[in-house]
C-alpha atoms as a PDB file:
ATOM      1  CA  UNK A   1       0.021   0.026  -0.032  1.00  0.00           C
ATOM      2  CA  UNK A   2       2.831   2.358   1.013  1.00  0.00           C
ATOM      3  CA  UNK A   3       4.530   1.610  -2.362  1.00  0.00           C
ATOM      4  CA  UNK A   4       1.435   2.348  -4.295  1.00  0.00           C
ATOM      5  CA  UNK A   5       1.146   5.761  -2.586  1.00  0.00           C
ATOM      6  CA  UNK A   6       4.838   6.548  -3.284  1.00  0.00           C
ATOM      7  CA  UNK A   7       4.304   5.572  -6.889  1.00  0.00           C
ATOM      8  CA  UNK A   8       1.245   7.741  -7.346  1.00  0.00           C
ATOM      9  CA  UNK A   9       3.054  10.840  -6.037  1.00  0.00           C
ATOM     10  CA  UNK A  10       5.996  10.404  -8.513  1.00  0.00           C
ATOM     11  CA  UNK A  11       6.232  13.052 -11.111  1.00  0.00           C
ATOM     12  CA  UNK A  12       5.617  11.647 -14.659  1.00  0.00           C
ATOM     13  CA  UNK A  13       8.728  11.829 -16.801  1.00  0.00           C
ATOM     14  CA  UNK A  14       7.056  13.939 -19.552  1.00  0.00           C
ATOM     15  CA  UNK A  15       5.835  16.471 -16.956  1.00  0.00           C
ATOM     16  CA  UNK A  16       9.389  16.913 -15.615  1.00  0.00           C
ATOM     17  CA  UNK A  17      10.848  17.116 -19.105  1.00  0.00           C
ATOM     18  CA  UNK A  18       8.273  19.786 -20.015  1.00  0.00           C
ATOM     19  CA  UNK A  19       9.302  21.713 -16.896  1.00  0.00           C
ATOM     20  CA  UNK A  20      12.973  21.424 -17.742  1.00  0.00           C
ATOM     21  CA  UNK A  21      12.260  22.663 -21.296  1.00  0.00           C
ATOM     22  CA  UNK A  22      10.327  25.722 -19.897  1.00  0.00           C
ATOM     23  CA  UNK A  23      13.194  26.419 -17.463  1.00  0.00           C
ATOM     24  CA  UNK A  24      15.615  26.317 -20.433  1.00  0.00           C
ATOM     25  CA  UNK A  25      13.443  28.883 -22.257  1.00  0.00           C
ATOM     26  CA  UNK A  26      13.414  31.114 -19.187  1.00  0.00           C
ATOM     27  CA  UNK A  27      17.169  30.809 -18.965  1.00  0.00           C
ATOM     28  CA  UNK A  28      17.422  31.986 -22.609  1.00  0.00           C
ATOM     29  CA  UNK A  29      15.290  34.990 -21.650  1.00  0.00           C
ATOM     30  CA  UNK A  30      17.647  35.714 -18.707  1.00  0.00           C
ATOM     31  CA  UNK A  31      20.663  35.516 -21.024  1.00  0.00           C
ATOM     32  CA  UNK A  32      19.012  37.872 -23.483  1.00  0.00           C
ATOM     33  CA  UNK A  33      18.195  40.254 -20.672  1.00  0.00           C
ATOM     34  CA  UNK A  34      21.877  40.221 -19.538  1.00  0.00           C
ATOM     35  CA  UNK A  35      22.923  41.255 -23.060  1.00  0.00           C
ATOM     36  CA  UNK A  36      20.424  44.162 -23.178  1.00  0.00           C
ATOM     37  CA  UNK A  37      21.599  45.197 -19.706  1.00  0.00           C
ATOM     38  CA  UNK A  38      25.297  45.253 -20.922  1.00  0.00           C
ATOM     39  CA  UNK A  39      24.228  47.301 -24.021  1.00  0.00           C
ATOM     40  CA  UNK A  40      22.437  49.717 -21.743  1.00  0.00           C
ATOM     41  CA  UNK A  41      25.464  50.027 -19.474  1.00  0.00           C
ATOM     42  CA  UNK A  42      27.684  50.697 -22.524  1.00  0.00           C
ATOM     43  CA  UNK A  43      25.360  53.399 -23.696  1.00  0.00           C
ATOM     44  CA  UNK A  44      25.441  55.039 -20.251  1.00  0.00           C
ATOM     45  CA  UNK A  45      29.220  55.082 -20.323  1.00  0.00           C
ATOM     46  CA  UNK A  46      29.133  56.633 -23.780  1.00  0.00           C
ATOM     47  CA  UNK A  47      26.511  59.200 -22.799  1.00  0.00           C
ATOM     48  CA  UNK A  48      28.527  60.093 -19.617  1.00  0.00           C
ATOM     49  CA  UNK A  49      31.752  60.462 -21.580  1.00  0.00           C
ATOM     50  CA  UNK A  50      30.057  62.737 -24.108  1.00  0.00           C
ATOM     51  CA  UNK A  51      28.600  64.623 -21.014  1.00  0.00           C
ATOM     52  CA  UNK A  52      25.080  64.033 -22.371  1.00  0.00           C
ATOM     53  CA  UNK A  53      24.141  62.603 -19.014  1.00  0.00           C
ATOM     54  CA  UNK A  54      25.749  62.899 -15.655  1.00  0.00           C
ATOM     55  CA  UNK A  55      27.309  59.906 -13.820  1.00  0.00           C
ATOM     56  CA  UNK A  56      24.735  60.203 -10.997  1.00  0.00           C
ATOM     57  CA  UNK A  57      21.977  59.538 -13.599  1.00  0.00           C
ATOM     58  CA  UNK A  58      23.341  56.019 -14.351  1.00  0.00           C
ATOM     59  CA  UNK A  59      21.062  53.377 -12.855  1.00  0.00           C
ATOM     60  CA  UNK A  60      22.257  49.871 -12.103  1.00  0.00           C
ATOM     61  CA  UNK A  61      19.731  47.135 -12.708  1.00  0.00           C
ATOM     62  CA  UNK A  62      20.322  44.126 -10.390  1.00  0.00           C
ATOM     63  CA  UNK A  63      19.717  40.618 -11.686  1.00  0.00           C
ATOM     64  CA  UNK A  64      20.856  38.803  -8.506  1.00  0.00           C
ATOM     65  CA  UNK A  65      17.346  38.241  -7.314  1.00  0.00           C
ATOM     66  CA  UNK A  66      16.365  36.553 -10.630  1.00  0.00           C
ATOM     67  CA  UNK A  67      19.553  34.397 -10.479  1.00  0.00           C
ATOM     68  CA  UNK A  68      18.495  33.188  -6.987  1.00  0.00           C
ATOM     69  CA  UNK A  69      14.985  32.375  -8.318  1.00  0.00           C
ATOM     70  CA  UNK A  70      16.524  30.159 -10.989  1.00  0.00           C
ATOM     71  CA  UNK A  71      18.519  28.279  -8.490  1.00  0.00           C
ATOM     72  CA  UNK A  72      15.322  27.575  -6.549  1.00  0.00           C
ATOM     73  CA  UNK A  73      13.591  26.262  -9.674  1.00  0.00           C
ATOM     74  CA  UNK A  74      16.473  23.938 -10.417  1.00  0.00           C
ATOM     75  CA  UNK A  75      16.302  22.589  -6.834  1.00  0.00           C
ATOM     76  CA  UNK A  76      12.593  21.958  -7.198  1.00  0.00           C
ATOM     77  CA  UNK A  77      13.092  20.095 -10.536  1.00  0.00           C
ATOM     78  CA  UNK A  78      15.869  17.936  -9.073  1.00  0.00           C
ATOM     79  CA  UNK A  79      13.662  16.991  -6.075  1.00  0.00           C
ATOM     80  CA  UNK A  80      11.804  13.636  -6.121  1.00  0.00           C
ATOM     81  CA  UNK A  81       9.165  14.383  -3.480  1.00  0.00           C
ATOM     82  CA  UNK A  82       6.351  14.493  -6.041  1.00  0.00           C
ATOM     83  CA  UNK A  83       3.286  16.472  -6.992  1.00  0.00           C
ATOM     84  CA  UNK A  84       3.806  19.196  -4.368  1.00  0.00           C
ATOM     85  CA  UNK A  85       7.094  20.151  -6.014  1.00  0.00           C
ATOM     86  CA  UNK A  86       5.314  20.611  -9.414  1.00  0.00           C
ATOM     87  CA  UNK A  87       2.975  23.070  -7.869  1.00  0.00           C
ATOM     88  CA  UNK A  88       5.832  24.844  -6.172  1.00  0.00           C
ATOM     89  CA  UNK A  89       7.691  24.889  -9.468  1.00  0.00           C
ATOM     90  CA  UNK A  90       4.743  26.381 -11.299  1.00  0.00           C
ATOM     91  CA  UNK A  91       4.418  29.070  -8.654  1.00  0.00           C
ATOM     92  CA  UNK A  92       8.081  30.078  -8.858  1.00  0.00           C
ATOM     93  CA  UNK A  93       8.254  29.724 -12.605  1.00  0.00           C
ATOM     94  CA  UNK A  94       5.278  32.212 -12.937  1.00  0.00           C
ATOM     95  CA  UNK A  95       7.020  34.640 -10.535  1.00  0.00           C
ATOM     96  CA  UNK A  96      10.268  34.426 -12.474  1.00  0.00           C
ATOM     97  CA  UNK A  97       8.551  34.984 -15.800  1.00  0.00           C
ATOM     98  CA  UNK A  98       6.689  38.034 -14.459  1.00  0.00           C
ATOM     99  CA  UNK A  99       9.945  39.358 -12.943  1.00  0.00           C
ATOM    100  CA  UNK A 100      11.811  38.936 -16.200  1.00  0.00           C
ATOM    101  CA  UNK A 101       9.130  40.738 -18.111  1.00  0.00           C
ATOM    102  CA  UNK A 102       9.170  43.677 -15.617  1.00  0.00           C
ATOM    103  CA  UNK A 103      12.864  43.834 -15.719  1.00  0.00           C
ATOM    104  CA  UNK A 104      13.003  43.784 -19.492  1.00  0.00           C
ATOM    105  CA  UNK A 105      10.542  46.653 -19.675  1.00  0.00           C
ATOM    106  CA  UNK A 106      12.586  48.627 -17.126  1.00  0.00           C
ATOM    107  CA  UNK A 107      15.954  47.951 -18.878  1.00  0.00           C
ATOM    108  CA  UNK A 108      14.682  48.447 -22.444  1.00  0.00           C
ATOM    109  CA  UNK A 109      12.851  51.578 -21.386  1.00  0.00           C
ATOM    110  CA  UNK A 110      15.970  53.074 -19.761  1.00  0.00           C
ATOM    111  CA  UNK A 111      18.101  51.938 -22.761  1.00  0.00           C
ATOM    112  CA  UNK A 112      15.636  53.639 -25.126  1.00  0.00           C
ATOM    113  CA  UNK A 113      15.755  56.932 -23.145  1.00  0.00           C
ATOM    114  CA  UNK A 114      19.571  57.068 -23.215  1.00  0.00           C
ATOM    115  CA  UNK A 115      19.570  56.261 -26.936  1.00  0.00           C
ATOM    116  CA  UNK A 116      17.169  59.127 -27.464  1.00  0.00           C
ATOM    117  CA  UNK A 117      19.237  61.497 -25.425  1.00  0.00           C
ATOM    118  CA  UNK A 118      22.479  60.569 -27.320  1.00  0.00           C
ATOM    119  CA  UNK A 119      20.767  60.766 -30.742  1.00  0.00           C
ATOM    120  CA  UNK A 120      18.889  64.004 -29.864  1.00  0.00           C
ATOM    121  CA  UNK A 121      22.013  65.716 -28.751  1.00  0.00           C
ATOM    122  CA  UNK A 122      24.046  64.497 -31.850  1.00  0.00           C
ATOM    123  CA  UNK A 123      21.271  65.751 -34.105  1.00  0.00           C
ATOM    124  CA  UNK A 124      21.245  69.057 -32.224  1.00  0.00           C
ATOM    125  CA  UNK A 125      24.940  69.541 -32.765  1.00  0.00           C
ATOM    126  CA  UNK A 126      24.502  68.811 -36.497  1.00  0.00           C
ATOM    127  CA  UNK A 127      21.811  71.478 -36.725  1.00  0.00           C
ATOM    128  CA  UNK A 128      23.510  73.872 -34.383  1.00  0.00           C
ATOM    129  CA  UNK A 129      27.297  73.331 -34.580  1.00  0.00           C
ATOM    130  CA  UNK A 130      27.891  76.435 -32.388  1.00  0.00           C
ATOM    131  CA  UNK A 131      26.650  74.389 -29.370  1.00  0.00           C
ATOM    132  CA  UNK A 132      30.186  72.919 -29.206  1.00  0.00           C
ATOM    133  CA  UNK A 133      32.276  75.721 -30.573  1.00  0.00           C
ATOM    134  CA  UNK A 134      34.586  77.389 -28.029  1.00  0.00           C
ATOM    135  CA  UNK A 135      34.154  80.804 -29.572  1.00  0.00           C
ATOM    136  CA  UNK A 136      30.291  80.586 -28.863  1.00  0.00           C
ATOM    137  CA  UNK A 137      30.634  79.770 -25.165  1.00  0.00           C
ATOM    138  CA  UNK A 138      29.114  83.142 -24.447  1.00  0.00           C
ATOM    139  CA  UNK A 139      25.708  81.732 -25.661  1.00  0.00           C
ATOM    140  CA  UNK A 140      25.503  79.782 -22.409  1.00  0.00           C
ATOM    141  CA  UNK A 141      25.120  83.088 -20.544  1.00  0.00           C
ATOM    142  CA  UNK A 142      22.010  85.118 -21.041  1.00  0.00           C
ATOM    143  CA  UNK A 143      22.485  88.793 -22.089  1.00  0.00           C
ATOM    144  CA  UNK A 144      21.213  91.481 -19.800  1.00  0.00           C
ATOM    145  CA  UNK A 145      17.573  92.186 -20.636  1.00  0.00           C
ATOM    146  CA  UNK A 146      17.757  95.919 -20.048  1.00  0.00           C
ATOM    147  CA  UNK A 147      21.323  96.834 -21.085  1.00  0.00           C
ATOM    148  CA  UNK A 148      21.411  94.590 -24.181  1.00  0.00           C
ATOM    149  CA  UNK A 149      17.766  94.136 -25.272  1.00  0.00           C
ATOM    150  CA  UNK A 150      18.528  93.159 -28.945  1.00  0.00           C
ATOM    151  CA  UNK A 151      21.155  90.674 -27.921  1.00  0.00           C
ATOM    152  CA  UNK A 152      18.827  89.196 -25.316  1.00  0.00           C
ATOM    153  CA  UNK A 153      15.948  88.831 -27.901  1.00  0.00           C
ATOM    154  CA  UNK A 154      18.177  87.166 -30.434  1.00  0.00           C
ATOM    155  CA  UNK A 155      19.691  84.874 -27.771  1.00  0.00           C
ATOM    156  CA  UNK A 156      16.224  83.841 -26.636  1.00  0.00           C
ATOM    157  CA  UNK A 157      14.926  83.121 -30.231  1.00  0.00           C
ATOM    158  CA  UNK A 158      18.058  81.113 -31.062  1.00  0.00           C
ATOM    159  CA  UNK A 159      17.693  78.938 -27.884  1.00  0.00           C
ATOM    160  CA  UNK A 160      13.960  78.511 -28.516  1.00  0.00           C
ATOM    161  CA  UNK A 161      14.879  76.855 -31.782  1.00  0.00           C
ATOM    162  CA  UNK A 162      17.283  74.549 -29.970  1.00  0.00           C
ATOM    163  CA  UNK A 163      14.682  73.619 -27.357  1.00  0.00           C
ATOM    164  CA  UNK A 164      12.049  73.022 -29.970  1.00  0.00           C
ATOM    165  CA  UNK A 165      14.362  70.771 -32.082  1.00  0.00           C
ATOM    166  CA  UNK A 166      15.542  68.936 -28.848  1.00  0.00           C
ATOM    167  CA  UNK A 167      11.959  67.992 -28.114  1.00  0.00           C
ATOM    168  CA  UNK A 168      11.424  66.888 -31.659  1.00  0.00           C
ATOM    169  CA  UNK A 169      14.675  64.846 -31.999  1.00  0.00           C
ATOM    170  CA  UNK A 170      14.009  63.226 -28.630  1.00  0.00           C
ATOM    171  CA  UNK A 171      10.332  62.590 -29.442  1.00  0.00           C
ATOM    172  CA  UNK A 172       9.274  64.367 -26.272  1.00  0.00           C
ATOM    173  CA  UNK A 173       5.785  65.873 -26.192  1.00  0.00           C
ATOM    174  CA  UNK A 174       6.198  67.115 -22.643  1.00  0.00           C
ATOM    175  CA  UNK A 175       9.494  68.509 -21.213  1.00  0.00           C
ATOM    176  CA  UNK A 176       9.958  68.771 -17.480  1.00  0.00           C
ATOM    177  CA  UNK A 177      12.192  71.648 -16.424  1.00  0.00           C
ATOM    178  CA  UNK A 178      13.764  69.715 -13.551  1.00  0.00           C
ATOM    179  CA  UNK A 179      14.918  66.965 -16.017  1.00  0.00           C
ATOM    180  CA  UNK A 180      16.087  69.438 -18.641  1.00  0.00           C
ATOM    181  CA  UNK A 181      18.401  70.919 -15.957  1.00  0.00           C
ATOM    182  CA  UNK A 182      20.482  67.808 -16.193  1.00  0.00           C
ATOM    183  CA  UNK A 183      20.428  67.379 -20.032  1.00  0.00           C
ATOM    184  CA  UNK A 184      23.160  68.516 -22.402  1.00  0.00           C
ATOM    185  CA  UNK A 185      23.367  71.241 -23.764  1.00  0.00           C
ATOM    186  CA  UNK A 186      21.093  72.936 -21.135  1.00  0.00           C
ATOM    187  CA  UNK A 187      23.084  71.853 -18.103  1.00  0.00           C
ATOM    188  CA  UNK A 188      25.933  74.096 -19.311  1.00  0.00           C
ATOM    189  CA  UNK A 189      23.851  77.235 -18.672  1.00  0.00           C
ATOM    190  CA  UNK A 190      25.278  79.513 -15.939  1.00  0.00           C
ATOM    191  CA  UNK A 191      21.761  79.742 -14.427  1.00  0.00           C
ATOM    192  CA  UNK A 192      19.889  76.636 -15.684  1.00  0.00           C
ATOM    193  CA  UNK A 193      16.237  76.970 -14.408  1.00  0.00           C
ATOM    194  CA  UNK A 194      16.012  80.637 -15.041  1.00  0.00           C
ATOM    195  CA  UNK A 195      17.299  80.408 -18.573  1.00  0.00           C
ATOM    196  CA  UNK A 196      15.201  77.430 -19.454  1.00  0.00           C
ATOM    197  CA  UNK A 197      12.058  79.162 -18.269  1.00  0.00           C
ATOM    198  CA  UNK A 198      12.937  82.280 -20.368  1.00  0.00           C
ATOM    199  CA  UNK A 199      13.467  80.148 -23.476  1.00  0.00           C
ATOM    200  CA  UNK A 200      10.149  78.272 -22.700  1.00  0.00           C
ATOM    201  CA  UNK A 201       8.319  81.516 -22.570  1.00  0.00           C
ATOM    202  CA  UNK A 202       9.696  82.413 -26.068  1.00  0.00           C
ATOM    203  CA  UNK A 203       8.354  79.150 -27.490  1.00  0.00           C
ATOM    204  CA  UNK A 204       4.961  79.909 -25.854  1.00  0.00           C
ATOM    205  CA  UNK A 205       4.919  83.415 -27.426  1.00  0.00           C
ATOM    206  CA  UNK A 206       5.428  81.698 -30.794  1.00  0.00           C
ATOM    207  CA  UNK A 207       2.406  79.428 -30.168  1.00  0.00           C
ATOM    208  CA  UNK A 208       4.682  76.394 -30.179  1.00  0.00           C
ATOM    209  CA  UNK A 209       4.322  75.421 -26.512  1.00  0.00           C
ATOM    210  CA  UNK A 210       2.274  75.855 -23.359  1.00  0.00           C
ATOM    211  CA  UNK A 211       2.760  75.382 -19.607  1.00  0.00           C
ATOM    212  CA  UNK A 212       0.938  72.348 -18.199  1.00  0.00           C
ATOM    213  CA  UNK A 213       0.200  74.122 -14.874  1.00  0.00           C
ATOM    214  CA  UNK A 214       0.456  77.362 -12.992  1.00  0.00           C
ATOM    215  CA  UNK A 215       3.620  76.033 -11.330  1.00  0.00           C
ATOM    216  CA  UNK A 216       5.367  75.887 -14.764  1.00  0.00           C
ATOM    217  CA  UNK A 217       7.157  72.623 -14.072  1.00  0.00           C
ATOM    218  CA  UNK A 218       6.153  70.911 -17.374  1.00  0.00           C
ATOM    219  CA  UNK A 219       6.056  72.334 -20.863  1.00  0.00           C
ATOM    220  CA  UNK A 220       4.021  70.784 -23.703  1.00  0.00           C
ATOM    221  CA  UNK A 221       5.963  71.418 -26.988  1.00  0.00           C
ATOM    222  CA  UNK A 222       3.988  71.236 -30.204  1.00  0.00           C
ATOM    223  CA  UNK A 223       6.669  70.158 -32.683  1.00  0.00           C
ATOM    224  CA  UNK A 224       3.884  68.744 -34.802  1.00  0.00           C
ATOM    225  CA  UNK A 225       0.349  70.073 -35.074  1.00  0.00           C
ATOM    226  CA  UNK A 226      -2.581  68.000 -33.837  1.00  0.00           C
ATOM    227  CA  UNK A 227      -3.944  68.066 -37.442  1.00  0.00           C
ATOM    228  CA  UNK A 228      -0.744  66.444 -38.591  1.00  0.00           C
ATOM    229  CA  UNK A 229      -0.986  63.883 -35.834  1.00  0.00           C
ATOM    230  CA  UNK A 230      -4.621  63.085 -36.858  1.00  0.00           C
ATOM    231  CA  UNK A 231      -3.476  62.359 -40.407  1.00  0.00           C
ATOM    232  CA  UNK A 232      -0.649  60.202 -39.169  1.00  0.00           C
ATOM    233  CA  UNK A 233      -2.907  58.193 -36.809  1.00  0.00           C
ATOM    234  CA  UNK A 234      -5.545  57.705 -39.528  1.00  0.00           C
ATOM    235  CA  UNK A 235      -2.808  56.417 -41.902  1.00  0.00           C
ATOM    236  CA  UNK A 236      -1.443  53.982 -39.289  1.00  0.00           C
ATOM    237  CA  UNK A 237      -5.022  52.704 -38.659  1.00  0.00           C
ATOM    238  CA  UNK A 238      -5.691  52.306 -42.352  1.00  0.00           C
ATOM    239  CA  UNK A 239      -2.309  50.629 -43.169  1.00  0.00           C
ATOM    240  CA  UNK A 240      -2.761  48.198 -40.337  1.00  0.00           C
ATOM    241  CA  UNK A 241      -6.318  47.290 -41.103  1.00  0.00           C
ATOM    242  CA  UNK A 242      -7.729  48.760 -37.877  1.00  0.00           C
ATOM    243  CA  UNK A 243     -11.373  48.787 -38.935  1.00  0.00           C
ATOM    244  CA  UNK A 244     -12.866  47.922 -35.473  1.00  0.00           C
ATOM    245  CA  UNK A 245     -13.263  50.624 -32.717  1.00  0.00           C
ATOM    246  CA  UNK A 246      -9.777  51.701 -31.577  1.00  0.00           C
ATOM    247  CA  UNK A 247      -9.182  52.585 -27.920  1.00  0.00           C
ATOM    248  CA  UNK A 248      -6.462  54.887 -26.540  1.00  0.00           C
ATOM    249  CA  UNK A 249      -4.490  51.954 -25.069  1.00  0.00           C
ATOM    250  CA  UNK A 250      -4.015  50.532 -28.589  1.00  0.00           C
ATOM    251  CA  UNK A 251      -2.336  53.746 -29.676  1.00  0.00           C
ATOM    252  CA  UNK A 252      -0.194  53.557 -26.496  1.00  0.00           C
ATOM    253  CA  UNK A 253       0.803  50.053 -27.315  1.00  0.00           C
ATOM    254  CA  UNK A 254       2.087  51.192 -30.823  1.00  0.00           C
ATOM    255  CA  UNK A 255       5.401  52.127 -29.113  1.00  0.00           C
ATOM    256  CA  UNK A 256       7.354  52.296 -32.465  1.00  0.00           C
ATOM    257  CA  UNK A 257       5.163  55.188 -33.426  1.00  0.00           C
ATOM    258  CA  UNK A 258       5.859  58.764 -32.169  1.00  0.00           C
ATOM    259  CA  UNK A 259       2.158  59.346 -31.434  1.00  0.00           C
ATOM    260  CA  UNK A 260       2.087  56.589 -28.813  1.00  0.00           C
ATOM    261  CA  UNK A 261       3.260  58.893 -26.081  1.00  0.00           C
ATOM    262  CA  UNK A 262       0.952  61.824 -26.918  1.00  0.00           C
ATOM    263  CA  UNK A 263      -0.817  63.238 -23.865  1.00  0.00           C
ATOM    264  CA  UNK A 264      -4.350  61.965 -23.280  1.00  0.00           C
ATOM    265  CA  UNK A 265      -6.026  65.332 -23.812  1.00  0.00           C
ATOM    266  CA  UNK A 266      -4.301  65.667 -27.078  1.00  0.00           C
ATOM    267  CA  UNK A 267      -5.488  62.219 -28.267  1.00  0.00           C
ATOM    268  CA  UNK A 268      -9.025  63.155 -27.389  1.00  0.00           C
ATOM    269  CA  UNK A 269      -8.609  66.339 -29.391  1.00  0.00           C
ATOM    270  CA  UNK A 270      -7.269  64.248 -32.326  1.00  0.00           C
ATOM    271  CA  UNK A 271     -10.391  62.060 -32.188  1.00  0.00           C
ATOM    272  CA  UNK A 272     -12.480  65.207 -32.557  1.00  0.00           C
ATOM    273  CA  UNK A 273     -10.362  66.359 -35.467  1.00  0.00           C
ATOM    274  CA  UNK A 274     -10.825  62.974 -37.220  1.00  0.00           C
ATOM    275  CA  UNK A 275     -14.552  63.115 -36.586  1.00  0.00           C
ATOM    276  CA  UNK A 276     -14.742  66.783 -37.892  1.00  0.00           C
ATOM    277  CA  UNK A 277     -12.863  65.825 -41.042  1.00  0.00           C
ATOM    278  CA  UNK A 278     -15.217  62.904 -41.430  1.00  0.00           C
ATOM    279  CA  UNK A 279     -12.321  60.464 -41.188  1.00  0.00           C
ATOM    280  CA  UNK A 280     -13.690  58.636 -38.128  1.00  0.00           C
ATOM    281  CA  UNK A 281     -16.569  58.330 -35.674  1.00  0.00           C
ATOM    282  CA  UNK A 282     -16.166  58.893 -31.957  1.00  0.00           C
ATOM    283  CA  UNK A 283     -17.586  56.295 -29.631  1.00  0.00           C
ATOM    284  CA  UNK A 284     -18.196  56.747 -25.975  1.00  0.00           C
ATOM    285  CA  UNK A 285     -17.804  53.496 -24.076  1.00  0.00           C
ATOM    286  CA  UNK A 286     -19.742  52.427 -20.933  1.00  0.00           C
ATOM    287  CA  UNK A 287     -16.805  53.188 -18.721  1.00  0.00           C
ATOM    288  CA  UNK A 288     -16.741  56.841 -20.084  1.00  0.00           C
ATOM    289  CA  UNK A 289     -13.651  56.342 -22.165  1.00  0.00           C
ATOM    290  CA  UNK A 290     -13.504  57.485 -25.730  1.00  0.00           C
ATOM    291  CA  UNK A 291     -12.751  55.248 -28.849  1.00  0.00           C
ATOM    292  CA  UNK A 292     -12.935  55.913 -32.529  1.00  0.00           C
ATOM    293  CA  UNK A 293     -13.716  53.974 -35.632  1.00  0.00           C
ATOM    294  CA  UNK A 294     -12.093  55.126 -38.937  1.00  0.00           C
ATOM    295  CA  UNK A 295     -14.087  55.708 -41.983  1.00  0.00           C
ATOM    296  CA  UNK A 296     -12.728  54.288 -45.204  1.00  0.00           C
ATOM    297  CA  UNK A 297     -12.307  56.811 -48.067  1.00  0.00           C
END
């Protein structure tokens, strides 16, 4: 009787083989994650050397916890206690898979931000070579408003172009002043926050930006009009055969598209533009959220 009970609790060979195969797949994911992490660290070193980011901005992503979880999984697989271990394995495997996914999103997200910062700055220098010219170092100090009014105005206009293109190159719809303080070329200003706010006000006067609040901590930069975005979104829907109602989260998930990070209020305005131009119909869902359905031409 005892032998029968022992036999019934043994893990079938195919079940254990399947678990070992799944663990192998998870190990491949961990290996890929290590590679992405290494690429991210190399980018951080490059960005710090070019002074595009400061060394204290570098984040270290730890994989030790995941390594420990893998050890636990292997211990469970090598055990011969029986069915309980399979349940325990499933529980740990699910946890590892979720952790891997979260870590990947974190690392890839940070890597993408650094790449954007490097590319944005490199593009800025191509467009405005004076940013790195020794003889133009005076541009990092704002002229006196009263004593040199013309110089001040021309300084402000020139830097407004730089800020506008920085947002465009970095694909940033919203710029936070605190973050910009630590970004090249703006962290070379003699009085960072004051200068950035002056430049932001110039963009606002040109109807190319607006403050998000009275505190003036965030700036919405319109480097592309909402009308242009509406055409781009319509084309994306049409090209991808999105004929069913489309919700905002679907646009958010199209991370390879520049419109995926547009502010919510702008997306809602774009829906209205599409409806006004008879390109789509707006639908209000039961939960109060908006969706839209494109009209084929």
